Protein backbone atom coordinates (compact mmCIF):
# COMPACT_ATOMS: atom_id res chain seq x y z
CA ARG A 1 -0.13 -0.11 0.00
CA VAL A 2 1.09 3.50 -0.59
CA LEU A 3 2.32 5.23 2.66
CA ALA A 4 3.51 8.74 1.35
CA LEU A 5 4.18 10.32 -2.07
CA LYS A 6 6.53 12.85 -1.19
CA ALA A 7 8.79 10.71 1.26
CA ARG A 8 12.19 11.25 2.26
CA ALA A 9 14.43 8.28 2.02
CA ALA A 10 18.00 8.60 3.78
CA ALA A 11 20.14 6.13 1.80
CA VAL A 12 23.88 5.66 2.10
CA ALA A 13 24.67 7.45 -1.18
CA LYS A 14 22.50 10.50 -0.17
CA GLU A 15 19.18 11.66 1.02
CA PHE A 16 16.38 11.38 -1.62
CA GLU A 17 13.52 13.72 -1.66
CA GLY A 18 9.82 13.05 -3.15
CA CYS A 19 9.94 9.46 -3.05
CA LEU A 20 7.26 7.22 -3.13
CA GLU A 21 7.04 5.26 -0.02
CA VAL A 22 5.09 1.73 -0.23
CA GLY A 23 4.23 -0.33 2.88
CA LEU A 24 5.23 -4.02 2.84
CA ALA A 25 3.94 -7.01 4.71
CA SER A 26 4.64 -10.71 4.58
CA GLU A 27 2.63 -13.80 5.56
CA ASP A 28 4.36 -13.68 9.23
CA THR A 29 4.85 -10.83 11.54
CA ASP A 30 7.51 -8.85 9.38
CA SER A 31 6.79 -5.44 7.90
CA GLY A 32 8.74 -2.94 5.92
CA SER A 33 9.01 -0.13 3.18
CA ARG A 34 10.22 0.87 0.09
CA TRP A 35 11.16 3.91 -1.10
CA TYR A 36 11.26 4.88 -4.98
CA SER A 37 13.19 7.89 -6.31
CA PRO A 38 11.40 9.59 -9.18
CA GLY A 39 13.45 8.91 -12.55
CA LEU A 40 15.91 6.52 -10.54
CA GLY A 41 13.80 3.69 -8.91
CA LEU A 42 14.22 1.46 -5.49
CA VAL A 43 16.54 3.53 -3.48
CA MET A 44 16.00 1.95 -0.16
CA GLU A 45 14.28 -1.06 1.51
CA ARG A 46 13.57 -1.46 5.32
CA TRP A 47 12.15 -4.81 6.91
CA SER A 48 11.52 -5.18 10.73
CA GLY A 49 10.13 -8.12 12.46
CA GLU A 50 9.93 -11.56 14.11
CA ASN A 51 12.12 -13.28 11.11
CA ARG A 52 14.23 -10.27 9.80
CA ASN A 53 15.76 -7.11 10.51
CA THR A 54 17.31 -5.66 7.32
CA VAL A 55 18.00 -2.61 5.34
CA LEU A 56 18.87 -2.27 1.79
CA SER A 57 20.62 1.25 0.61
CA LEU A 58 21.65 2.41 -2.65
CA VAL A 59 25.45 3.30 -2.41
CA HIS A 60 26.13 4.28 -5.82
CA TRP A 61 24.46 4.73 -9.29
CA THR A 62 25.22 5.86 -12.87
CA LEU A 63 22.82 7.03 -15.14
CA PRO A 64 23.30 6.36 -18.92
CA SER A 65 24.30 9.26 -21.16
CA ALA A 66 21.85 10.32 -23.72
């Protein structure tokens, strides 16, 4: 489910503004969020719960030249 349309994601690479934040839930008690930056895509994911506590964070990116 969509949690925010203009969220801030503090990834390792930098802080991203204006991100889409999506809430996640698994079949057990774990839950999390994903942050998508406009024009770039997934920049951060965070899970917490009984079975896992993880953070996936963008550390570097290169955009193709036109």
